[in-house]
Amino acid sequence: MRRLAQAWVWLVVAAAMGLALYGRASSRAVPQVAVNESPRAESASDTPGELTWGSPEELRTLPVTEAASEGDGLLELRVMAGGRPVPRAQVRLYRREGLSRETGKMDWRIAASGATGNDGKLLMPARAGSYLLVARANGFAPARLNLMHPLGGPRTPAILRMEEASTFWGTTVLQGSGRALPGAELTFTPDVRPWEQGMHAAAPAEERVTVTSDASGRFRVEGLAPGLYLVEGLAPGSTTPVEWTLWLPSSEPRVLALTTPGTAVRKRIVKRAPSSELRCGD
């Protein structure tokens, strides 16, 4: 009887310890849910699968090598259109890493990506540096904003204002003859230079648009945001592009004259307008 009583005591103690351990494990498994918080963006290096900008094949810009945390600071973003917040707008943060030695152009990296909440707001962790913010939403043109996040800055506010998309259309012709030139490749690059006035216009690969003129030399590009664009045209078989800088939107079609291999290249340049940018600490 004495041994039986001791066995019962040990059984009760073991059961109590098991219940205690189960309760502690269960408390760790329950996540803490933040209430009334703006959505937080995912870093590019942590979740590359979440950074689709259209289709996965269009993701051509590499992520940053080291992701930012909230300790580095946050970008407090708001996406607006006509004075109202834009819910579920897709936002991408590109970081300028400097000029590439191989190409001489800006080296871009994707730092973060996310979607706004119903209030049009989004929090993004960011290290100090120069960035390009791009927001996309159905029914609007992409909204772009140059932003400088300062060293040691806890939070940097930024507003992206979306506008109606524009359409650019026209005809490609052979320079010198005026004949329609089918199969010409046209690449539209938005001018997103904030301060590098002497540099060649550059933008991340996902922000450029390429179209090909049809059998009659006609082309049409939709969904463009207002602003300055570098347009590069390549005639079939040519490796040297003809360049134009154009203000969009345009209310009438344009005739773009391209050269064939062996002919001289012409450039048409227009005066650049002041950049839309956000400077912190001014």
Protein backbone atom coordinates (compact mmCIF):
# COMPACT_ATOMS: atom_id res chain seq x y z
CA MET A 1 0.00 0.00 0.00
CA ARG A 2 2.82 2.39 0.84
CA ARG A 3 4.48 1.84 -2.56
CA LEU A 4 1.11 2.28 -4.30
CA ALA A 5 0.56 5.63 -2.57
CA GLN A 6 4.03 6.83 -3.59
CA ALA A 7 3.34 5.84 -7.21
CA TRP A 8 0.13 7.86 -7.20
CA VAL A 9 1.97 10.90 -5.83
CA TRP A 10 4.60 10.72 -8.60
CA LEU A 11 1.87 10.29 -11.23
CA VAL A 12 0.04 13.43 -10.05
CA VAL A 13 3.29 15.46 -10.01
CA ALA A 14 4.20 14.32 -13.55
CA ALA A 15 0.74 15.24 -14.84
CA ALA A 16 0.94 18.71 -13.28
CA MET A 17 4.36 19.37 -14.83
CA GLY A 18 3.11 18.22 -18.24
CA LEU A 19 0.13 20.57 -18.12
CA ALA A 20 2.37 23.48 -17.11
CA LEU A 21 4.79 22.86 -19.98
CA TYR A 22 1.92 22.52 -22.48
CA GLY A 23 0.44 25.81 -21.33
CA ARG A 24 3.77 27.63 -21.76
CA ALA A 25 4.28 26.17 -25.24
CA SER A 26 0.76 27.15 -26.26
CA SER A 27 1.30 30.73 -25.13
CA ARG A 28 4.39 30.99 -27.33
CA ALA A 29 2.51 29.63 -30.36
CA VAL A 30 -0.15 32.36 -30.25
CA PRO A 31 1.10 35.34 -32.36
CA GLN A 32 0.74 38.89 -31.12
CA VAL A 33 -1.58 40.77 -33.47
CA ALA A 34 -1.05 44.51 -33.85
CA VAL A 35 -4.25 46.54 -33.74
CA ASN A 36 -4.82 49.68 -35.87
CA GLU A 37 -1.38 49.43 -37.46
CA SER A 38 -0.61 50.36 -41.06
CA PRO A 39 0.48 47.40 -43.22
CA ARG A 40 4.21 46.74 -43.12
CA ALA A 41 6.19 46.04 -46.26
CA GLU A 42 8.27 42.90 -46.72
CA SER A 43 11.98 43.32 -47.33
CA ALA A 44 13.27 42.25 -50.73
CA SER A 45 15.97 39.94 -49.41
CA ASP A 46 13.57 38.15 -47.04
CA THR A 47 10.67 37.47 -49.38
CA PRO A 48 11.73 37.51 -53.05
CA GLY A 49 8.65 35.54 -54.01
CA GLU A 50 6.38 38.39 -52.90
CA LEU A 51 7.97 40.95 -55.17
CA THR A 52 6.18 40.17 -58.42
CA TRP A 53 5.57 43.36 -60.44
CA GLY A 54 3.20 41.90 -62.98
CA SER A 55 4.52 38.42 -63.75
CA PRO A 56 7.52 36.71 -62.09
CA GLU A 57 9.41 36.87 -65.38
CA GLU A 58 9.39 40.69 -65.18
CA LEU A 59 11.43 40.76 -61.96
CA ARG A 60 14.83 41.75 -63.36
CA THR A 61 16.18 44.02 -60.62
CA LEU A 62 18.07 42.21 -57.87
CA PRO A 63 17.16 42.66 -54.18
CA VAL A 64 19.42 44.45 -51.72
CA THR A 65 22.10 42.29 -50.10
CA GLU A 66 21.10 43.28 -46.57
CA ALA A 67 17.51 43.93 -45.58
CA ALA A 68 16.54 46.91 -43.46
CA SER A 69 14.82 46.61 -40.09
CA GLU A 70 12.63 48.97 -38.11
CA GLY A 71 15.73 49.99 -36.17
CA ASP A 72 17.09 51.60 -39.36
CA GLY A 73 14.00 53.77 -39.66
CA LEU A 74 10.61 53.62 -41.35
CA LEU A 75 9.04 55.27 -44.36
CA GLU A 76 5.48 56.38 -43.60
CA LEU A 77 3.84 56.17 -47.01
CA ARG A 78 0.48 57.41 -48.18
CA VAL A 79 -0.89 56.78 -51.66
CA MET A 80 -3.52 59.32 -52.74
CA ALA A 81 -5.61 60.04 -55.83
CA GLY A 82 -7.88 63.06 -56.12
CA GLY A 83 -7.48 63.79 -52.41
CA ARG A 84 -8.57 60.28 -51.38
CA PRO A 85 -6.53 57.31 -50.16
CA VAL A 86 -5.87 54.48 -52.60
CA PRO A 87 -6.36 51.08 -50.91
CA ARG A 88 -4.41 47.99 -51.96
CA ALA A 89 -1.96 49.97 -54.08
CA GLN A 90 1.18 47.95 -54.83
CA VAL A 91 4.29 49.85 -53.71
CA ARG A 92 7.91 49.07 -54.50
CA LEU A 93 11.01 50.70 -53.03
CA TYR A 94 14.13 50.88 -55.23
CA ARG A 95 17.48 51.82 -53.72
CA ARG A 96 20.18 53.63 -55.70
CA GLU A 97 23.48 51.81 -55.16
CA GLY A 98 25.64 54.12 -57.29
CA LEU A 99 27.02 53.90 -60.82
CA SER A 100 27.89 50.50 -62.24
CA ARG A 101 31.49 50.19 -63.41
CA GLU A 102 30.43 47.89 -66.24
CA THR A 103 27.65 50.02 -67.76
CA GLY A 104 28.22 53.49 -66.32
CA LYS A 105 24.52 53.60 -65.41
CA MET A 106 22.74 53.61 -62.08
CA ASP A 107 22.81 50.29 -60.23
CA TRP A 108 19.35 49.65 -58.75
CA ARG A 109 18.30 47.25 -56.01
CA ILE A 110 14.83 46.39 -54.71
CA ALA A 111 14.70 47.23 -51.00
CA ALA A 112 11.08 46.44 -50.08
CA SER A 113 7.61 45.87 -51.45
CA GLY A 114 4.09 45.89 -50.06
CA ALA A 115 0.48 46.98 -50.44
CA THR A 116 -1.40 49.83 -48.78
CA GLY A 117 -4.26 49.24 -46.38
CA ASN A 118 -7.78 50.60 -46.70
CA ASP A 119 -6.48 53.95 -45.47
CA GLY A 120 -3.90 54.12 -48.27
CA LYS A 121 -1.01 53.85 -45.81
CA LEU A 122 2.03 51.59 -45.67
CA LEU A 123 5.09 51.37 -43.41
CA MET A 124 8.40 50.41 -45.01
CA PRO A 125 11.71 49.79 -43.20
CA ALA A 126 14.59 51.57 -44.92
CA ARG A 127 18.28 52.22 -44.38
CA ALA A 128 19.72 55.68 -44.98
CA GLY A 129 20.08 56.38 -48.68
CA SER A 130 18.55 57.59 -51.93
CA TYR A 131 15.43 55.80 -53.13
CA LEU A 132 12.79 55.70 -55.83
CA LEU A 133 9.25 54.88 -54.72
CA VAL A 134 6.75 53.52 -57.25
CA ALA A 135 3.06 52.85 -56.60
CA ARG A 136 0.69 51.04 -58.96
CA ALA A 137 -3.08 50.60 -58.79
CA ASN A 138 -5.79 49.65 -61.26
CA GLY A 139 -7.13 52.60 -63.20
CA PHE A 140 -4.14 54.87 -62.58
CA ALA A 141 -0.74 55.58 -64.03
CA PRO A 142 2.29 54.57 -61.92
CA ALA A 143 3.18 57.19 -59.32
CA ARG A 144 6.90 57.80 -58.75
CA LEU A 145 8.73 59.78 -56.08
CA ASN A 146 12.40 60.38 -55.36
CA LEU A 147 13.15 60.24 -51.66
CA MET A 148 16.17 60.67 -49.40
CA HIS A 149 15.97 58.77 -46.10
CA PRO A 150 18.44 60.41 -43.66
CA LEU A 151 20.88 58.59 -41.41
CA GLY A 152 19.37 58.13 -37.96
CA GLY A 153 15.96 59.36 -39.10
CA PRO A 154 13.34 57.33 -37.24
CA ARG A 155 10.47 58.04 -39.66
CA THR A 156 10.27 59.75 -43.05
CA PRO A 157 6.80 60.69 -44.35
CA ALA A 158 6.08 60.50 -48.08
CA ILE A 159 2.98 60.91 -50.25
CA LEU A 160 2.61 59.37 -53.70
CA ARG A 161 -0.11 61.03 -55.77
CA MET A 162 -1.63 58.93 -58.52
CA GLU A 163 -2.94 60.42 -61.76
CA GLU A 164 -4.87 59.28 -64.79
CA ALA A 165 -2.81 57.23 -67.23
CA SER A 166 -1.97 58.67 -70.65
CA THR A 167 -1.51 57.10 -74.09
CA PHE A 168 1.24 57.85 -76.59
CA TRP A 169 0.88 56.77 -80.20
CA GLY A 170 2.34 57.46 -83.62
CA THR A 171 4.28 56.01 -86.53
CA THR A 172 7.89 54.95 -87.08
CA VAL A 173 9.37 55.93 -90.45
CA LEU A 174 12.69 55.56 -92.20
CA GLN A 175 14.77 58.70 -91.82
CA GLY A 176 15.32 60.54 -95.10
CA SER A 177 12.52 58.83 -97.00
CA GLY A 178 9.47 59.09 -94.76
CA ARG A 179 8.42 55.53 -95.59
CA ALA A 180 6.70 53.56 -92.83
CA LEU A 181 9.17 51.43 -90.88
CA PRO A 182 7.58 48.28 -89.42
CA GLY A 183 9.13 46.21 -86.65
CA ALA A 184 10.89 49.13 -84.97
CA GLU A 185 11.49 48.63 -81.24
CA LEU A 186 10.74 51.59 -78.96
CA THR A 187 11.73 51.69 -75.29
CA PHE A 188 10.22 54.33 -72.97
CA THR A 189 12.28 55.14 -69.87
CA PRO A 190 10.82 57.59 -67.32
CA ASP A 191 13.33 60.20 -66.24
CA VAL A 192 13.67 59.57 -62.49
CA ARG A 193 16.95 61.44 -61.92
CA PRO A 194 16.62 63.45 -58.70
CA TRP A 195 19.96 65.26 -58.70
CA GLU A 196 22.25 63.69 -61.31
CA GLN A 197 21.49 66.27 -63.98
CA GLY A 198 24.41 65.33 -66.21
CA MET A 199 23.70 61.60 -66.17
CA HIS A 200 21.97 59.54 -68.81
CA ALA A 201 18.33 58.96 -67.87
CA ALA A 202 17.98 55.61 -66.13
CA ALA A 203 15.26 53.69 -64.36
CA PRO A 204 14.89 50.16 -63.01
CA ALA A 205 14.18 47.57 -65.68
CA GLU A 206 10.62 46.98 -64.44
CA GLU A 207 9.79 50.67 -64.92
CA ARG A 208 10.70 50.74 -68.62
CA VAL A 209 8.16 49.95 -71.35
CA THR A 210 9.06 48.46 -74.75
CA VAL A 211 6.75 48.20 -77.78
CA THR A 212 7.21 47.25 -81.44
CA SER A 213 5.60 49.06 -84.37
CA ASP A 214 3.23 47.00 -86.51
CA ALA A 215 3.32 46.20 -90.23
CA SER A 216 2.24 49.77 -91.02
CA GLY A 217 4.80 51.32 -88.66
CA ARG A 218 2.14 52.27 -86.14
CA PHE A 219 2.65 51.96 -82.38
CA ARG A 220 0.64 52.66 -79.24
CA VAL A 221 1.74 52.78 -75.60
CA GLU A 222 -0.84 52.92 -72.82
CA GLY A 223 -0.66 53.39 -69.06
CA LEU A 224 2.10 56.01 -69.05
CA ALA A 225 2.45 58.53 -66.23
CA PRO A 226 2.83 62.23 -67.08
CA GLY A 227 6.43 63.44 -67.21
CA LEU A 228 9.67 63.37 -69.13
CA TYR A 229 10.71 60.20 -70.97
CA LEU A 230 13.76 59.04 -72.84
CA VAL A 231 12.60 57.16 -75.95
CA GLU A 232 15.09 54.85 -77.63
CA GLY A 233 14.22 53.56 -81.10
CA LEU A 234 15.89 50.65 -82.87
CA ALA A 235 15.24 49.89 -86.52
CA PRO A 236 15.22 46.20 -87.48
CA GLY A 237 18.79 44.98 -87.78
CA SER A 238 20.26 48.08 -86.14
CA THR A 239 22.24 48.08 -82.89
CA THR A 240 22.53 51.86 -82.50
CA PRO A 241 19.39 53.50 -81.10
CA VAL A 242 17.99 56.88 -82.05
CA GLU A 243 17.04 58.86 -78.94
CA TRP A 244 14.38 61.43 -78.17
CA THR A 245 13.34 63.09 -74.94
CA LEU A 246 9.60 63.74 -74.91
CA TRP A 247 7.08 65.28 -72.57
CA LEU A 248 3.99 63.21 -71.97
CA PRO A 249 1.06 63.26 -72.22
CA SER A 250 0.88 64.25 -75.88
CA SER A 251 -2.43 65.22 -77.44
CA GLU A 252 -1.48 64.20 -80.99
CA PRO A 253 0.40 61.34 -82.66
CA ARG A 254 4.11 61.63 -83.33
CA VAL A 255 6.23 60.56 -86.28
CA LEU A 256 9.54 59.05 -85.14
CA ALA A 257 12.22 58.80 -87.82
CA LEU A 258 14.73 56.00 -87.29
CA THR A 259 18.00 55.18 -89.03
CA THR A 260 19.06 51.92 -90.57
CA PRO A 261 22.52 50.35 -90.07
CA GLY A 262 25.29 52.58 -91.45
CA THR A 263 23.45 55.90 -91.18
CA ALA A 264 24.12 58.71 -88.73
CA VAL A 265 22.26 58.94 -85.42
CA ARG A 266 20.32 62.02 -84.41
CA LYS A 267 19.15 63.02 -80.96
CA ARG A 268 16.32 65.35 -80.09
CA ILE A 269 16.63 66.87 -76.63
CA VAL A 270 14.13 69.04 -74.78
CA LYS A 271 14.73 71.10 -71.70
CA ARG A 272 14.33 69.11 -68.50
CA ALA A 273 11.75 70.23 -65.95
CA PRO A 274 12.45 70.43 -62.21
CA SER A 275 12.31 67.00 -60.59
CA SER A 276 9.50 66.03 -58.25
CA GLU A 277 11.36 65.03 -55.14
CA LEU A 278 11.17 64.91 -51.39
CA ARG A 279 14.15 66.19 -49.41
CA CYS A 280 14.28 65.52 -45.70
CA GLY A 281 15.57 68.05 -43.20
CA ASP A 282 14.99 71.11 -45.42
